[in-house]
C-alpha atoms as a PDB file:
ATOM      1  CA  MET A   1      -9.857 -15.280  -9.868  1.00  0.00           C
ATOM      2  CA  HIS A   2      -8.559 -15.771  -5.772  1.00  0.00           C
ATOM      3  CA  ASP A   3     -10.433 -18.002  -3.830  1.00  0.00           C
ATOM      4  CA  PRO A   4     -10.919 -15.562  -0.597  1.00  0.00           C
ATOM      5  CA  ALA A   5     -11.885 -18.003   1.842  1.00  0.00           C
ATOM      6  CA  GLY A   6      -9.173 -20.424   1.051  1.00  0.00           C
ATOM      7  CA  LEU A   7      -6.476 -17.498   0.651  1.00  0.00           C
ATOM      8  CA  LEU A   8      -7.636 -16.279   4.135  1.00  0.00           C
ATOM      9  CA  GLU A   9      -7.175 -19.574   5.892  1.00  0.00           C
ATOM     10  CA  ARG A  10      -3.598 -20.099   4.142  1.00  0.00           C
ATOM     11  CA  THR A  11      -2.691 -16.772   5.360  1.00  0.00           C
ATOM     12  CA  ARG A  12      -3.937 -17.002   8.575  1.00  0.00           C
ATOM     13  CA  ALA A  13      -2.398 -20.538   9.440  1.00  0.00           C
ATOM     14  CA  GLN A  14       1.203 -18.839   7.875  1.00  0.00           C
ATOM     15  CA  TRP A  15       0.750 -15.798  10.223  1.00  0.00           C
ATOM     16  CA  ALA A  16       0.186 -18.044  13.267  1.00  0.00           C
ATOM     17  CA  ARG A  17       3.290 -20.252  12.756  1.00  0.00           C
ATOM     18  CA  ARG A  18       5.374 -17.258  12.742  1.00  0.00           C
ATOM     19  CA  GLU A  19       8.031 -16.738  15.545  1.00  0.00           C
ATOM     20  CA  GLU A  20       7.671 -12.662  14.861  1.00  0.00           C
ATOM     21  CA  HIS A  21       4.800 -10.849  13.206  1.00  0.00           C
ATOM     22  CA  TRP A  22       5.918  -8.190  10.733  1.00  0.00           C
ATOM     23  CA  VAL A  23       3.855  -6.097   8.174  1.00  0.00           C
ATOM     24  CA  PHE A  24       5.470  -4.173   5.066  1.00  0.00           C
ATOM     25  CA  ALA A  25       3.719  -0.706   4.770  1.00  0.00           C
ATOM     26  CA  TYR A  26       4.133   1.255   1.160  1.00  0.00           C
ATOM     27  CA  GLY A  27       1.091   3.132   1.069  1.00  0.00           C
ATOM     28  CA  SER A  28      -1.781   4.355   3.542  1.00  0.00           C
ATOM     29  CA  LEU A  29      -0.535   1.644   5.871  1.00  0.00           C
ATOM     30  CA  ILE A  30       2.475   3.884   6.684  1.00  0.00           C
ATOM     31  CA  TRP A  31       0.233   6.891   7.823  1.00  0.00           C
ATOM     32  CA  ARG A  32      -2.695   5.134   9.050  1.00  0.00           C
ATOM     33  CA  PRO A  33      -1.949   1.354  10.058  1.00  0.00           C
ATOM     34  CA  GLU A  34      -5.052   1.088  12.455  1.00  0.00           C
ATOM     35  CA  PHE A  35      -3.211  -1.740  14.296  1.00  0.00           C
ATOM     36  CA  ASP A  36      -1.128  -1.319  17.377  1.00  0.00           C
ATOM     37  CA  ALA A  37       2.547  -1.845  16.634  1.00  0.00           C
ATOM     38  CA  ALA A  38       5.038  -2.797  19.114  1.00  0.00           C
ATOM     39  CA  GLU A  39       8.177  -1.610  16.815  1.00  0.00           C
ATOM     40  CA  ARG A  40       8.597   0.223  13.631  1.00  0.00           C
ATOM     41  CA  ARG A  41      11.572   0.158  11.191  1.00  0.00           C
ATOM     42  CA  ASP A  42      12.453   1.624   7.866  1.00  0.00           C
ATOM     43  CA  ALA A  43      12.752  -1.201   5.431  1.00  0.00           C
ATOM     44  CA  GLN A  44      13.180  -1.856   1.806  1.00  0.00           C
ATOM     45  CA  VAL A  45      12.184  -4.921  -0.314  1.00  0.00           C
ATOM     46  CA  HIS A  46      13.918  -5.999  -3.555  1.00  0.00           C
ATOM     47  CA  GLY A  47      12.070  -7.169  -6.337  1.00  0.00           C
ATOM     48  CA  TRP A  48       8.947  -5.192  -5.977  1.00  0.00           C
ATOM     49  CA  HIS A  49       8.258  -1.416  -6.221  1.00  0.00           C
ATOM     50  CA  ARG A  50       5.601   1.002  -5.398  1.00  0.00           C
ATOM     51  CA  ALA A  51       3.021   2.065  -8.285  1.00  0.00           C
ATOM     52  CA  LEU A  52       0.219   4.285  -8.251  1.00  0.00           C
ATOM     53  CA  ARG A  53      -1.901   1.405 -10.082  1.00  0.00           C
ATOM     54  CA  LEU A  54      -4.622  -0.225  -8.124  1.00  0.00           C
ATOM     55  CA  ARG A  55      -8.078   1.017  -9.472  1.00  0.00           C
ATOM     56  CA  SER A  56     -10.088   1.878  -6.427  1.00  0.00           C
ATOM     57  CA  ARG A  57     -13.904   1.743  -7.022  1.00  0.00           C
ATOM     58  CA  VAL A  58     -14.863   2.138  -3.475  1.00  0.00           C
ATOM     59  CA  ASN A  59     -12.603   3.865  -0.957  1.00  0.00           C
ATOM     60  CA  ARG A  60     -10.893   6.434  -3.296  1.00  0.00           C
ATOM     61  CA  GLY A  61     -13.195   6.437  -6.187  1.00  0.00           C
ATOM     62  CA  SER A  62     -16.632   5.101  -7.492  1.00  0.00           C
ATOM     63  CA  PRO A  63     -17.664   2.387 -10.051  1.00  0.00           C
ATOM     64  CA  GLU A  64     -18.299   5.317 -12.637  1.00  0.00           C
ATOM     65  CA  ARG A  65     -15.151   6.995 -11.836  1.00  0.00           C
ATOM     66  CA  PRO A  66     -12.345   4.975 -10.539  1.00  0.00           C
ATOM     67  CA  GLY A  67      -9.715   6.276  -8.441  1.00  0.00           C
ATOM     68  CA  LEU A  68      -6.026   5.053  -7.904  1.00  0.00           C
ATOM     69  CA  VAL A  69      -4.050   3.999  -4.837  1.00  0.00           C
ATOM     70  CA  PHE A  70      -0.804   2.425  -4.428  1.00  0.00           C
ATOM     71  CA  ALA A  71       0.060  -1.082  -5.165  1.00  0.00           C
ATOM     72  CA  LEU A  72       3.249  -3.281  -4.691  1.00  0.00           C
ATOM     73  CA  LEU A  73       4.101  -4.516  -8.170  1.00  0.00           C
ATOM     74  CA  SER A  74       6.852  -6.794  -9.177  1.00  0.00           C
ATOM     75  CA  GLY A  75      10.276  -5.440 -10.116  1.00  0.00           C
ATOM     76  CA  GLY A  76      12.662  -2.614  -8.699  1.00  0.00           C
ATOM     77  CA  SER A  77      12.743  -2.051  -5.133  1.00  0.00           C
ATOM     78  CA  CYS A  78      10.749  -0.255  -2.769  1.00  0.00           C
ATOM     79  CA  ARG A  79      11.416   1.924   0.615  1.00  0.00           C
ATOM     80  CA  GLY A  80       8.724   1.403   3.074  1.00  0.00           C
ATOM     81  CA  VAL A  81       8.127   0.759   7.029  1.00  0.00           C
ATOM     82  CA  VAL A  82       7.574  -2.951   8.720  1.00  0.00           C
ATOM     83  CA  TYR A  83       5.720  -2.989  11.708  1.00  0.00           C
ATOM     84  CA  ARG A  84       6.008  -5.542  14.341  1.00  0.00           C
ATOM     85  CA  VAL A  85       2.643  -6.790  16.095  1.00  0.00           C
ATOM     86  CA  ARG A  86       2.769  -8.330  19.558  1.00  0.00           C
ATOM     87  CA  ARG A  87       2.516 -11.736  19.896  1.00  0.00           C
ATOM     88  CA  GLU A  88      -0.227 -11.949  22.020  1.00  0.00           C
ATOM     89  CA  GLN A  89      -2.325  -9.438  19.908  1.00  0.00           C
ATOM     90  CA  ALA A  90      -1.095 -11.121  16.565  1.00  0.00           C
ATOM     91  CA  ALA A  91      -4.351 -13.121  15.912  1.00  0.00           C
ATOM     92  CA  GLU A  92      -6.744 -10.246  16.564  1.00  0.00           C
ATOM     93  CA  GLU A  93      -4.277  -7.663  14.697  1.00  0.00           C
ATOM     94  CA  PHE A  94      -4.413 -10.088  11.956  1.00  0.00           C
ATOM     95  CA  GLU A  95      -8.178 -10.339  11.346  1.00  0.00           C
ATOM     96  CA  ARG A  96      -8.361  -6.299  11.455  1.00  0.00           C
ATOM     97  CA  LEU A  97      -5.560  -5.961   8.955  1.00  0.00           C
ATOM     98  CA  TRP A  98      -6.963  -8.560   6.408  1.00  0.00           C
ATOM     99  CA  ALA A  99     -10.426  -7.138   6.530  1.00  0.00           C
ATOM    100  CA  ARG A 100      -8.733  -3.418   5.608  1.00  0.00           C
ATOM    101  CA  GLU A 101      -6.784  -4.564   3.097  1.00  0.00           C
ATOM    102  CA  MET A 102      -8.518  -7.806   1.422  1.00  0.00           C
ATOM    103  CA  PRO A 103     -12.286  -7.049   1.426  1.00  0.00           C
ATOM    104  CA  MET A 104     -12.280  -7.586  -2.322  1.00  0.00           C
ATOM    105  CA  ALA A 105      -9.417 -10.297  -2.243  1.00  0.00           C
ATOM    106  CA  VAL A 106      -7.457  -8.021  -4.798  1.00  0.00           C
ATOM    107  CA  TYR A 107      -3.930  -8.421  -3.493  1.00  0.00           C
ATOM    108  CA  ASP A 108      -2.013 -11.679  -3.306  1.00  0.00           C
ATOM    109  CA  PRO A 109      -0.485 -11.607   0.274  1.00  0.00           C
ATOM    110  CA  ARG A 110       2.991 -12.875   0.511  1.00  0.00           C
ATOM    111  CA  TRP A 111       6.059 -12.973   3.046  1.00  0.00           C
ATOM    112  CA  LEU A 112       8.974 -10.566   1.602  1.00  0.00           C
ATOM    113  CA  PRO A 113      12.292 -10.335   2.986  1.00  0.00           C
ATOM    114  CA  CYS A 114      12.577  -6.542   4.380  1.00  0.00           C
ATOM    115  CA  ARG A 115      15.895  -5.144   4.884  1.00  0.00           C
ATOM    116  CA  THR A 116      15.951  -2.897   7.933  1.00  0.00           C
ATOM    117  CA  PRO A 117      18.767  -1.187   9.909  1.00  0.00           C
ATOM    118  CA  GLN A 118      18.667  -3.615  12.433  1.00  0.00           C
ATOM    119  CA  GLY A 119      18.502  -6.901  10.118  1.00  0.00           C
ATOM    120  CA  LEU A 120      16.470  -8.373   7.687  1.00  0.00           C
ATOM    121  CA  VAL A 121      12.489  -9.294   8.660  1.00  0.00           C
ATOM    122  CA  GLN A 122      10.042 -11.585   6.871  1.00  0.00           C
ATOM    123  CA  ALA A 123       6.898  -9.381   6.736  1.00  0.00           C
ATOM    124  CA  LEU A 124       3.453  -9.963   5.190  1.00  0.00           C
ATOM    125  CA  SER A 125       2.915  -7.837   2.384  1.00  0.00           C
ATOM    126  CA  PHE A 126       0.199  -7.259  -0.062  1.00  0.00           C
ATOM    127  CA  THR A 127       0.953  -7.097  -3.847  1.00  0.00           C
ATOM    128  CA  LEU A 128      -0.922  -6.858  -6.829  1.00  0.00           C
ATOM    129  CA  ASP A 129      -0.283  -9.010  -9.829  1.00  0.00           C
ATOM    130  CA  ARG A 130      -0.125  -6.917 -13.185  1.00  0.00           C
ATOM    131  CA  ARG A 131      -2.826  -9.417 -15.007  1.00  0.00           C
ATOM    132  CA  SER A 132      -5.134  -8.444 -12.051  1.00  0.00           C
ATOM    133  CA  GLU A 133      -8.476  -6.527 -13.495  1.00  0.00           C
ATOM    134  CA  ALA A 134      -7.760  -4.099 -10.660  1.00  0.00           C
ATOM    135  CA  CYS A 135      -4.268  -3.424 -12.097  1.00  0.00           C
ATOM    136  CA  ALA A 136      -4.389  -0.040 -14.108  1.00  0.00           C
ATOM    137  CA  PRO A 137      -2.080   0.103 -17.203  1.00  0.00           C
ATOM    138  CA  PRO A 138       0.547   2.839 -17.053  1.00  0.00           C
ATOM    139  CA  LEU A 139      -1.234   6.077 -17.492  1.00  0.00           C
ATOM    140  CA  ALA A 140      -0.158   9.210 -19.263  1.00  0.00           C
ATOM    141  CA  ASP A 141      -0.086  12.246 -17.014  1.00  0.00           C
ATOM    142  CA  GLU A 142      -3.228  13.843 -18.440  1.00  0.00           C
ATOM    143  CA  GLU A 143      -5.345  10.773 -17.546  1.00  0.00           C
ATOM    144  CA  LEU A 144      -3.693  10.605 -13.906  1.00  0.00           C
ATOM    145  CA  LEU A 145      -4.445  14.482 -13.433  1.00  0.00           C
ATOM    146  CA  ASP A 146      -8.194  13.707 -14.402  1.00  0.00           C
ATOM    147  CA  ILE A 147      -8.257  11.158 -11.970  1.00  0.00           C
ATOM    148  CA  MET A 148      -6.601  13.286  -9.323  1.00  0.00           C
ATOM    149  CA  ARG A 149      -9.113  15.997 -10.113  1.00  0.00           C
ATOM    150  CA  HIS A 150     -12.410  13.768  -9.971  1.00  0.00           C
ATOM    151  CA  ALA A 151     -12.221  10.453  -8.417  1.00  0.00           C
ATOM    152  CA  ARG A 152     -13.850  10.342  -4.628  1.00  0.00           C
ATOM    153  CA  GLY A 153     -14.890   7.396  -2.605  1.00  0.00           C
ATOM    154  CA  ARG A 154     -16.152   6.518   0.815  1.00  0.00           C
ATOM    155  CA  CYS A 155     -12.182   7.459   2.227  1.00  0.00           C
ATOM    156  CA  GLY A 156     -12.142  10.763   0.072  1.00  0.00           C
ATOM    157  CA  ARG A 157     -10.363  11.571  -3.005  1.00  0.00           C
ATOM    158  CA  SER A 158      -7.469  10.005  -4.620  1.00  0.00           C
ATOM    159  CA  LEU A 159      -5.685  13.137  -4.629  1.00  0.00           C
ATOM    160  CA  ASP A 160      -5.487  13.359  -0.859  1.00  0.00           C
ATOM    161  CA  TYR A 161      -4.068   9.887  -0.780  1.00  0.00           C
ATOM    162  CA  LEU A 162      -1.414  10.658  -2.850  1.00  0.00           C
ATOM    163  CA  VAL A 163      -0.657  13.580  -0.731  1.00  0.00           C
ATOM    164  CA  GLU A 164      -0.819  12.193   2.553  1.00  0.00           C
ATOM    165  CA  THR A 165       1.569   8.981   1.292  1.00  0.00           C
ATOM    166  CA  ALA A 166       3.768  11.517  -0.149  1.00  0.00           C
ATOM    167  CA  ARG A 167       3.914  13.693   3.110  1.00  0.00           C
ATOM    168  CA  ALA A 168       4.471  10.178   5.246  1.00  0.00           C
ATOM    169  CA  LEU A 169       7.282   9.162   3.039  1.00  0.00           C
ATOM    170  CA  ARG A 170       9.068  12.567   3.615  1.00  0.00           C
ATOM    171  CA  GLU A 171       8.584  12.591   7.445  1.00  0.00           C
ATOM    172  CA  HIS A 172      10.063   8.980   7.204  1.00  0.00           C
ATOM    173  CA  GLY A 173      13.117  10.268   5.215  1.00  0.00           C
ATOM    174  CA  LEU A 174      11.940   7.670   2.706  1.00  0.00           C
ATOM    175  CA  ARG A 175      12.666   8.907  -0.983  1.00  0.00           C
ATOM    176  CA  ASP A 176      10.261   7.850  -3.919  1.00  0.00           C
ATOM    177  CA  ARG A 177      11.345   9.379  -7.161  1.00  0.00           C
ATOM    178  CA  GLU A 178       8.063   8.571  -9.008  1.00  0.00           C
ATOM    179  CA  VAL A 179       6.141  10.140  -5.970  1.00  0.00           C
ATOM    180  CA  ASP A 180       8.239  13.072  -6.190  1.00  0.00           C
ATOM    181  CA  ARG A 181       7.687  13.450  -9.899  1.00  0.00           C
ATOM    182  CA  LEU A 182       3.904  13.154  -9.078  1.00  0.00           C
ATOM    183  CA  MET A 183       3.818  15.685  -6.533  1.00  0.00           C
ATOM    184  CA  ARG A 184       5.703  18.087  -8.884  1.00  0.00           C
ATOM    185  CA  LEU A 185       3.243  17.534 -11.713  1.00  0.00           C
ATOM    186  CA  LEU A 186       0.424  18.157  -8.922  1.00  0.00           C
ATOM    187  CA  GLN A 187       1.865  21.332  -7.889  1.00  0.00           C
ATOM    188  CA  ARG A 188       2.749  22.481 -11.444  1.00  0.00           C
ATOM    189  CA  GLU A 189      -1.212  21.954 -12.472  1.00  0.00           C
ATOM    190  CA  GLY A 190      -2.318  23.858  -9.379  1.00  0.00           C
ATOM    191  CA  LEU A 191      -3.827  20.768  -7.642  1.00  0.00           C
ATOM    192  CA  LEU A 192      -1.882  21.607  -4.708  1.00  0.00           C
ATOM    193  CA  ALA A 193      -1.514  24.673  -2.515  1.00  0.00           C
ATOM    194  CA  ALA A 194       1.985  26.497  -3.036  1.00  0.00           C
ATOM    195  CA  ALA A 195       4.491  25.201  -0.611  1.00  0.00           C
END
């Protein structure tokens, strides 16, 4: 169990000491960052991968019918985007980012080395421990499809979240084989309009 207040203070202090303020985006932060970025670069992290394994009981599901959103789990690699926050806005943007990503203190914030075309940057990343109660086990396609058909929360359906993330990855030229497979599955099951 996280100590939310301690985690916030520790991460805020680490953020404040940074020369540059970067954030790694692998899911909805790509298509809805909700903070003002001075710069955006394509990026890749090693040792972590994007997985549709974070149970969402508020934003994309409910306590009775949890949805799923992407999390950054250990192992493999992940292509995404890094955003640089302006130094003069760093404190304010950190608070907005934290309120969005950490209302339930589910993630483990950490600084990950992100490879970009312009070089390596250290970016604040929100990862998920596989032992967390919020981490769903690997699901069979039938279970996943049931969630995509029925899970809905205050921000909409899990299905819409997956579709938006897939669209954003395509627009940025970022390939993810598992996301591509999931989109083919949704198409085959009639959950997407014919392309």
